[in-house]
């Protein structure tokens, strides 16, 4: 991961994208259009909706995830 974002290679790749693909906004729009045209956008939105449905104002709504207010759960999980 470091190579892609923080190394000299990452810096050169970023310059390449700016010079040949356009601005950062245009690159993001290209990714968005690709996701929409391939059908992946619907899958991604469904995953986000699934994740958000497991949480509400009172915390987690699914049994396998626990809220931090119940400190006794730590004892049960560690035993």
PDB file of N, CA and C in Angstrom:
ATOM      1  N   UNK A   1       0.826  -1.180   0.000  1.00  0.00           N
ATOM      2  CA  UNK A   1       0.000   0.000   0.000  1.00  0.00           C
ATOM      3  C   UNK A   1       0.878   1.254   0.000  1.00  0.00           C
ATOM      4  N   UNK A   2       1.965   1.230   0.761  1.00  0.00           N
ATOM      5  CA  UNK A   2       2.828   2.397   0.838  1.00  0.00           C
ATOM      6  C   UNK A   2       3.352   2.776  -0.545  1.00  0.00           C
ATOM      7  N   UNK A   3       3.691   1.784  -1.360  1.00  0.00           N
ATOM      8  CA  UNK A   3       4.206   2.068  -2.696  1.00  0.00           C
ATOM      9  C   UNK A   3       3.223   2.883  -3.519  1.00  0.00           C
ATOM     10  N   UNK A   4       1.940   2.628  -3.332  1.00  0.00           N
ATOM     11  CA  UNK A   4       0.928   3.296  -4.146  1.00  0.00           C
ATOM     12  C   UNK A   4       0.650   4.724  -3.700  1.00  0.00           C
ATOM     13  N   UNK A   5       0.948   5.059  -2.435  1.00  0.00           N
ATOM     14  CA  UNK A   5       0.566   6.386  -1.956  1.00  0.00           C
ATOM     15  C   UNK A   5       1.722   7.247  -1.464  1.00  0.00           C
ATOM     16  N   UNK A   6       2.784   6.638  -0.965  1.00  0.00           N
ATOM     17  CA  UNK A   6       3.792   7.457  -0.314  1.00  0.00           C
ATOM     18  C   UNK A   6       5.185   7.375  -0.885  1.00  0.00           C
ATOM     19  N   UNK A   7       5.433   6.448  -1.765  1.00  0.00           N
ATOM     20  CA  UNK A   7       6.790   6.286  -2.286  1.00  0.00           C
ATOM     21  C   UNK A   7       7.000   7.147  -3.528  1.00  0.00           C
ATOM     22  N   UNK A   8       8.210   7.102  -4.052  1.00  0.00           N
ATOM     23  CA  UNK A   8       8.496   7.816  -5.295  1.00  0.00           C
ATOM     24  C   UNK A   8       7.631   7.279  -6.425  1.00  0.00           C
ATOM     25  N   UNK A   9       7.409   5.960  -6.428  1.00  0.00           N
ATOM     26  CA  UNK A   9       6.533   5.360  -7.433  1.00  0.00           C
ATOM     27  C   UNK A   9       5.136   5.957  -7.348  1.00  0.00           C
ATOM     28  N   UNK A  10       4.614   6.095  -6.123  1.00  0.00           N
ATOM     29  CA  UNK A  10       3.289   6.674  -5.934  1.00  0.00           C
ATOM     30  C   UNK A  10       3.221   8.101  -6.436  1.00  0.00           C
ATOM     31  N   UNK A  11       4.268   8.876  -6.173  1.00  0.00           N
ATOM     32  CA  UNK A  11       4.313  10.254  -6.654  1.00  0.00           C
ATOM     33  C   UNK A  11       4.338  10.328  -8.168  1.00  0.00           C
ATOM     34  N   UNK A  12       5.126   9.450  -8.792  1.00  0.00           N
ATOM     35  CA  UNK A  12       5.178   9.428 -10.261  1.00  0.00           C
ATOM     36  C   UNK A  12       3.835   9.005 -10.839  1.00  0.00           C
ATOM     37  N   UNK A  13       3.201   8.036 -10.202  1.00  0.00           N
ATOM     38  CA  UNK A  13       1.907   7.570 -10.690  1.00  0.00           C
ATOM     39  C   UNK A  13       0.862   8.678 -10.586  1.00  0.00           C
ATOM     40  N   UNK A  14       0.907   9.444  -9.493  1.00  0.00           N
ATOM     41  CA  UNK A  14      -0.030  10.554  -9.332  1.00  0.00           C
ATOM     42  C   UNK A  14       0.185  11.596 -10.422  1.00  0.00           C
ATOM     43  N   UNK A  15       1.451  11.920 -10.704  1.00  0.00           N
ATOM     44  CA  UNK A  15       1.734  12.871 -11.780  1.00  0.00           C
ATOM     45  C   UNK A  15       1.252  12.339 -13.124  1.00  0.00           C
ATOM     46  N   UNK A  16       1.438  11.050 -13.366  1.00  0.00           N
ATOM     47  CA  UNK A  16       0.966  10.444 -14.603  1.00  0.00           C
ATOM     48  C   UNK A  16      -0.546  10.606 -14.731  1.00  0.00           C
ATOM     49  N   UNK A  17      -1.275  10.337 -13.650  1.00  0.00           N
ATOM     50  CA  UNK A  17      -2.729  10.465 -13.695  1.00  0.00           C
ATOM     51  C   UNK A  17      -3.151  11.901 -13.960  1.00  0.00           C
ATOM     52  N   UNK A  18      -2.474  12.855 -13.329  1.00  0.00           N
ATOM     53  CA  UNK A  18      -2.820  14.261 -13.538  1.00  0.00           C
ATOM     54  C   UNK A  18      -2.560  14.664 -14.983  1.00  0.00           C
ATOM     55  N   UNK A  19      -1.411  14.248 -15.520  1.00  0.00           N
ATOM     56  CA  UNK A  19      -1.036  14.674 -16.865  1.00  0.00           C
ATOM     57  C   UNK A  19      -1.818  13.969 -17.964  1.00  0.00           C
ATOM     58  N   UNK A  20      -2.198  12.719 -17.749  1.00  0.00           N
ATOM     59  CA  UNK A  20      -2.802  11.949 -18.827  1.00  0.00           C
ATOM     60  C   UNK A  20      -4.275  11.635 -18.618  1.00  0.00           C
ATOM     61  N   UNK A  21      -4.754  11.679 -17.404  1.00  0.00           N
ATOM     62  CA  UNK A  21      -6.162  11.360 -17.152  1.00  0.00           C
ATOM     63  C   UNK A  21      -6.984  12.597 -16.849  1.00  0.00           C
ATOM     64  N   UNK A  22      -6.349  13.669 -16.472  1.00  0.00           N
ATOM     65  CA  UNK A  22      -7.075  14.880 -16.142  1.00  0.00           C
ATOM     66  C   UNK A  22      -6.991  15.186 -14.662  1.00  0.00           C
ATOM     67  N   UNK A  23      -7.857  16.064 -14.241  1.00  0.00           N
ATOM     68  CA  UNK A  23      -7.848  16.502 -12.847  1.00  0.00           C
ATOM     69  C   UNK A  23      -8.322  15.384 -11.930  1.00  0.00           C
ATOM     70  N   UNK A  24      -8.111  15.572 -10.632  1.00  0.00           N
ATOM     71  CA  UNK A  24      -8.549  14.571  -9.652  1.00  0.00           C
ATOM     72  C   UNK A  24     -10.059  14.391  -9.698  1.00  0.00           C
ATOM     73  N   UNK A  25     -10.778  15.481  -9.929  1.00  0.00           N
ATOM     74  CA  UNK A  25     -12.235  15.376 -10.024  1.00  0.00           C
ATOM     75  C   UNK A  25     -12.643  14.538 -11.225  1.00  0.00           C
ATOM     76  N   UNK A  26     -11.976  14.737 -12.353  1.00  0.00           N
ATOM     77  CA  UNK A  26     -12.296  13.965 -13.556  1.00  0.00           C
ATOM     78  C   UNK A  26     -11.993  12.482 -13.358  1.00  0.00           C
ATOM     79  N   UNK A  27     -10.904  12.179 -12.671  1.00  0.00           N
ATOM     80  CA  UNK A  27     -10.560  10.780 -12.397  1.00  0.00           C
ATOM     81  C   UNK A  27     -11.649  10.135 -11.543  1.00  0.00           C
ATOM     82  N   UNK A  28     -12.120  10.858 -10.537  1.00  0.00           N
ATOM     83  CA  UNK A  28     -13.179  10.319  -9.678  1.00  0.00           C
ATOM     84  C   UNK A  28     -14.481  10.129 -10.460  1.00  0.00           C
ATOM     85  N   UNK A  29     -14.777  11.059 -11.354  1.00  0.00           N
ATOM     86  CA  UNK A  29     -15.978  10.918 -12.171  1.00  0.00           C
ATOM     87  C   UNK A  29     -15.865   9.738 -13.125  1.00  0.00           C
ATOM     88  N   UNK A  30     -14.657   9.483 -13.650  1.00  0.00           N
ATOM     89  CA  UNK A  30     -14.459   8.313 -14.505  1.00  0.00           C
ATOM     90  C   UNK A  30     -14.732   7.030 -13.721  1.00  0.00           C
ATOM     91  N   UNK A  31     -14.247   6.963 -12.489  1.00  0.00           N
ATOM     92  CA  UNK A  31     -14.495   5.785 -11.643  1.00  0.00           C
ATOM     93  C   UNK A  31     -15.987   5.625 -11.365  1.00  0.00           C
ATOM     94  N   UNK A  32     -16.663   6.735 -11.091  1.00  0.00           N
ATOM     95  CA  UNK A  32     -18.101   6.696 -10.831  1.00  0.00           C
ATOM     96  C   UNK A  32     -18.857   6.192 -12.050  1.00  0.00           C
ATOM     97  N   UNK A  33     -18.540   6.742 -13.227  1.00  0.00           N
ATOM     98  CA  UNK A  33     -19.227   6.314 -14.450  1.00  0.00           C
ATOM     99  C   UNK A  33     -18.962   4.845 -14.756  1.00  0.00           C
ATOM    100  N   UNK A  34     -17.745   4.383 -14.515  1.00  0.00           N
ATOM    101  CA  UNK A  34     -17.417   2.975 -14.743  1.00  0.00           C
ATOM    102  C   UNK A  34     -18.231   2.076 -13.813  1.00  0.00           C
ATOM    103  N   UNK A  35     -18.328   2.472 -12.541  1.00  0.00           N
ATOM    104  CA  UNK A  35     -19.100   1.675 -11.581  1.00  0.00           C
ATOM    105  C   UNK A  35     -20.577   1.647 -11.960  1.00  0.00           C
ATOM    106  N   UNK A  36     -21.093   2.778 -12.423  1.00  0.00           N
ATOM    107  CA  UNK A  36     -22.498   2.826 -12.820  1.00  0.00           C
ATOM    108  C   UNK A  36     -22.754   1.977 -14.060  1.00  0.00           C
ATOM    109  N   UNK A  37     -21.892   2.067 -15.048  1.00  0.00           N
ATOM    110  CA  UNK A  37     -22.129   1.344 -16.303  1.00  0.00           C
ATOM    111  C   UNK A  37     -21.907  -0.159 -16.160  1.00  0.00           C
ATOM    112  N   UNK A  38     -21.054  -0.574 -15.240  1.00  0.00           N
ATOM    113  CA  UNK A  38     -20.779  -2.005 -15.067  1.00  0.00           C
ATOM    114  C   UNK A  38     -21.785  -2.694 -14.147  1.00  0.00           C
ATOM    115  N   UNK A  39     -22.608  -1.906 -13.460  1.00  0.00           N
ATOM    116  CA  UNK A  39     -23.560  -2.480 -12.517  1.00  0.00           C
ATOM    117  C   UNK A  39     -22.997  -2.635 -11.116  1.00  0.00           C
ATOM    118  N   UNK A  40     -21.728  -2.321 -10.932  1.00  0.00           N
ATOM    119  CA  UNK A  40     -21.120  -2.445  -9.605  1.00  0.00           C
ATOM    120  C   UNK A  40     -21.643  -1.403  -8.626  1.00  0.00           C
ATOM    121  N   UNK A  41     -22.108  -0.269  -9.137  1.00  0.00           N
ATOM    122  CA  UNK A  41     -22.608   0.791  -8.261  1.00  0.00           C
ATOM    123  C   UNK A  41     -23.811   0.298  -7.460  1.00  0.00           C
ATOM    124  N   UNK A  42     -24.708  -0.436  -8.109  1.00  0.00           N
ATOM    125  CA  UNK A  42     -25.876  -0.967  -7.402  1.00  0.00           C
ATOM    126  C   UNK A  42     -25.452  -1.939  -6.311  1.00  0.00           C
ATOM    127  N   UNK A  43     -24.446  -2.766  -6.589  1.00  0.00           N
ATOM    128  CA  UNK A  43     -23.947  -3.709  -5.587  1.00  0.00           C
ATOM    129  C   UNK A  43     -23.320  -2.966  -4.411  1.00  0.00           C
ATOM    130  N   UNK A  44     -22.564  -1.900  -4.707  1.00  0.00           N
ATOM    131  CA  UNK A  44     -21.926  -1.124  -3.642  1.00  0.00           C
ATOM    132  C   UNK A  44     -22.967  -0.424  -2.780  1.00  0.00           C
ATOM    133  N   UNK A  45     -23.984   0.153  -3.416  1.00  0.00           N
ATOM    134  CA  UNK A  45     -25.032   0.837  -2.661  1.00  0.00           C
ATOM    135  C   UNK A  45     -25.813  -0.154  -1.800  1.00  0.00           C
ATOM    136  N   UNK A  46     -26.047  -1.362  -2.316  1.00  0.00           N
ATOM    137  CA  UNK A  46     -26.742  -2.390  -1.536  1.00  0.00           C
ATOM    138  C   UNK A  46     -25.919  -2.780  -0.314  1.00  0.00           C
ATOM    139  N   UNK A  47     -24.598  -2.880  -0.475  1.00  0.00           N
ATOM    140  CA  UNK A  47     -23.743  -3.218   0.658  1.00  0.00           C
ATOM    141  C   UNK A  47     -23.777  -2.117   1.719  1.00  0.00           C
ATOM    142  N   UNK A  48     -23.740  -0.860   1.286  1.00  0.00           N
ATOM    143  CA  UNK A  48     -23.810   0.263   2.226  1.00  0.00           C
ATOM    144  C   UNK A  48     -25.141   0.241   2.970  1.00  0.00           C
ATOM    145  N   UNK A  49     -26.232   0.012   2.239  1.00  0.00           N
ATOM    146  CA  UNK A  49     -27.543  -0.050   2.885  1.00  0.00           C
ATOM    147  C   UNK A  49     -27.612  -1.186   3.897  1.00  0.00           C
ATOM    148  N   UNK A  50     -27.023  -2.348   3.554  1.00  0.00           N
ATOM    149  CA  UNK A  50     -26.992  -3.479   4.483  1.00  0.00           C
ATOM    150  C   UNK A  50     -26.220  -3.120   5.747  1.00  0.00           C
ATOM    151  N   UNK A  51     -25.067  -2.486   5.569  1.00  0.00           N
ATOM    152  CA  UNK A  51     -24.246  -2.106   6.729  1.00  0.00           C
ATOM    153  C   UNK A  51     -24.959  -1.074   7.594  1.00  0.00           C
ATOM    154  N   UNK A  52     -25.583  -0.085   6.966  1.00  0.00           N
ATOM    155  CA  UNK A  52     -26.266   0.952   7.731  1.00  0.00           C
ATOM    156  C   UNK A  52     -27.509   0.421   8.433  1.00  0.00           C
ATOM    157  N   UNK A  53     -28.131  -0.616   7.886  1.00  0.00           N
ATOM    158  CA  UNK A  53     -29.334  -1.162   8.518  1.00  0.00           C
ATOM    159  C   UNK A  53     -29.008  -1.905   9.811  1.00  0.00           C
ATOM    160  N   UNK A  54     -27.747  -2.229  10.038  1.00  0.00           N
ATOM    161  CA  UNK A  54     -27.349  -2.937  11.253  1.00  0.00           C
ATOM    162  C   UNK A  54     -27.053  -1.988  12.411  1.00  0.00           C
ATOM    163  N   UNK A  55     -27.262  -0.699  12.219  1.00  0.00           N
ATOM    164  CA  UNK A  55     -26.927   0.290  13.238  1.00  0.00           C
ATOM    165  C   UNK A  55     -28.015   1.354  13.262  1.00  0.00           C
ATOM    166  N   UNK A  56     -28.404   1.800  14.446  1.00  0.00           N
ATOM    167  CA  UNK A  56     -29.363   2.893  14.559  1.00  0.00           C
ATOM    168  C   UNK A  56     -28.916   3.849  15.663  1.00  0.00           C
ATOM    169  N   UNK A  57     -29.804   4.745  16.097  1.00  0.00           N
ATOM    170  CA  UNK A  57     -29.438   5.745  17.103  1.00  0.00           C
ATOM    171  C   UNK A  57     -29.067   5.127  18.446  1.00  0.00           C
ATOM    172  N   UNK A  58     -29.536   3.936  18.711  1.00  0.00           N
ATOM    173  CA  UNK A  58     -29.251   3.274  19.984  1.00  0.00           C
ATOM    174  C   UNK A  58     -28.071   2.325  19.904  1.00  0.00           C
ATOM    175  N   UNK A  59     -27.471   2.188  18.748  1.00  0.00           N
ATOM    176  CA  UNK A  59     -26.313   1.309  18.589  1.00  0.00           C
ATOM    177  C   UNK A  59     -26.589   0.179  17.623  1.00  0.00           C
ATOM    178  N   UNK A  60     -25.854  -0.912  17.801  1.00  0.00           N
ATOM    179  CA  UNK A  60     -25.973  -2.066  16.907  1.00  0.00           C
ATOM    180  C   UNK A  60     -27.321  -2.747  17.082  1.00  0.00           C
ATOM    181  N   UNK A  61     -27.871  -3.228  15.987  1.00  0.00           N
ATOM    182  CA  UNK A  61     -29.163  -3.917  16.023  1.00  0.00           C
ATOM    183  C   UNK A  61     -29.037  -5.404  15.717  1.00  0.00           C
ATOM    184  N   UNK A  62     -27.836  -5.885  15.473  1.00  0.00           N
ATOM    185  CA  UNK A  62     -27.620  -7.303  15.171  1.00  0.00           C
ATOM    186  C   UNK A  62     -26.936  -7.961  16.369  1.00  0.00           C
ATOM    187  N   UNK A  63     -27.208  -9.229  16.612  1.00  0.00           N
ATOM    188  CA  UNK A  63     -26.705  -9.869  17.836  1.00  0.00           C
ATOM    189  C   UNK A  63     -25.194 -10.092  17.876  1.00  0.00           C
ATOM    190  N   UNK A  64     -24.533 -10.192  16.741  1.00  0.00           N
ATOM    191  CA  UNK A  64     -23.101 -10.496  16.768  1.00  0.00           C
ATOM    192  C   UNK A  64     -22.220  -9.255  16.935  1.00  0.00           C
ATOM    193  N   UNK A  65     -22.804  -8.061  16.990  1.00  0.00           N
ATOM    194  CA  UNK A  65     -22.055  -6.832  17.253  1.00  0.00           C
ATOM    195  C   UNK A  65     -22.562  -6.230  18.558  1.00  0.00           C
ATOM    196  N   UNK A  66     -21.668  -5.612  19.317  1.00  0.00           N
ATOM    197  CA  UNK A  66     -22.011  -5.143  20.657  1.00  0.00           C
ATOM    198  C   UNK A  66     -21.692  -3.661  20.802  1.00  0.00           C
ATOM    199  N   UNK A  67     -22.511  -2.974  21.584  1.00  0.00           N
ATOM    200  CA  UNK A  67     -22.298  -1.562  21.871  1.00  0.00           C
ATOM    201  C   UNK A  67     -21.275  -1.406  22.985  1.00  0.00           C
ATOM    202  N   UNK A  68     -20.587  -0.290  22.995  1.00  0.00           N
ATOM    203  CA  UNK A  68     -19.567  -0.078  24.020  1.00  0.00           C
ATOM    204  C   UNK A  68     -20.164   0.248  25.387  1.00  0.00           C
ATOM    205  N   UNK A  69     -21.460   0.468  25.477  1.00  0.00           N
ATOM    206  CA  UNK A  69     -22.083   0.768  26.764  1.00  0.00           C
ATOM    207  C   UNK A  69     -22.155  -0.466  27.662  1.00  0.00           C
ATOM    208  N   UNK A  70     -22.141  -1.642  27.069  1.00  0.00           N
ATOM    209  CA  UNK A  70     -22.236  -2.878  27.855  1.00  0.00           C
ATOM    210  C   UNK A  70     -20.839  -3.433  28.090  1.00  0.00           C
ATOM    211  N   UNK A  71     -20.192  -2.967  29.147  1.00  0.00           N
ATOM    212  CA  UNK A  71     -18.819  -3.373  29.456  1.00  0.00           C
ATOM    213  C   UNK A  71     -18.751  -4.840  29.877  1.00  0.00           C
ATOM    214  N   UNK A  72     -19.857  -5.403  30.344  1.00  0.00           N
ATOM    215  CA  UNK A  72     -19.874  -6.810  30.750  1.00  0.00           C
ATOM    216  C   UNK A  72     -19.650  -7.747  29.567  1.00  0.00           C
ATOM    217  N   UNK A  73     -19.909  -7.295  28.371  1.00  0.00           N
ATOM    218  CA  UNK A  73     -19.705  -8.127  27.184  1.00  0.00           C
ATOM    219  C   UNK A  73     -18.230  -8.460  27.007  1.00  0.00           C
ATOM    220  N   UNK A  74     -17.339  -7.585  27.467  1.00  0.00           N
ATOM    221  CA  UNK A  74     -15.909  -7.856  27.340  1.00  0.00           C
ATOM    222  C   UNK A  74     -15.519  -9.108  28.107  1.00  0.00           C
ATOM    223  N   UNK A  75     -16.062  -9.258  29.319  1.00  0.00           N
ATOM    224  CA  UNK A  75     -15.771 -10.465  30.102  1.00  0.00           C
ATOM    225  C   UNK A  75     -16.236 -11.716  29.373  1.00  0.00           C
ATOM    226  N   UNK A  76     -17.417 -11.656  28.779  1.00  0.00           N
ATOM    227  CA  UNK A  76     -17.955 -12.816  28.065  1.00  0.00           C
ATOM    228  C   UNK A  76     -17.125 -13.137  26.823  1.00  0.00           C
ATOM    229  N   UNK A  77     -16.665 -12.108  26.142  1.00  0.00           N
ATOM    230  CA  UNK A  77     -15.897 -12.322  24.915  1.00  0.00           C
ATOM    231  C   UNK A  77     -14.496 -12.843  25.196  1.00  0.00           C
ATOM    232  N   UNK A  78     -13.914 -12.429  26.324  1.00  0.00           N
ATOM    233  CA  UNK A  78     -12.538 -12.814  26.628  1.00  0.00           C
ATOM    234  C   UNK A  78     -12.431 -14.185  27.279  1.00  0.00           C
ATOM    235  N   UNK A  79     -13.527 -14.742  27.732  1.00  0.00           N
ATOM    236  CA  UNK A  79     -13.484 -16.053  28.400  1.00  0.00           C
ATOM    237  C   UNK A  79     -13.686 -17.168  27.419  1.00  0.00           C
TER     238      UNK A  79
END
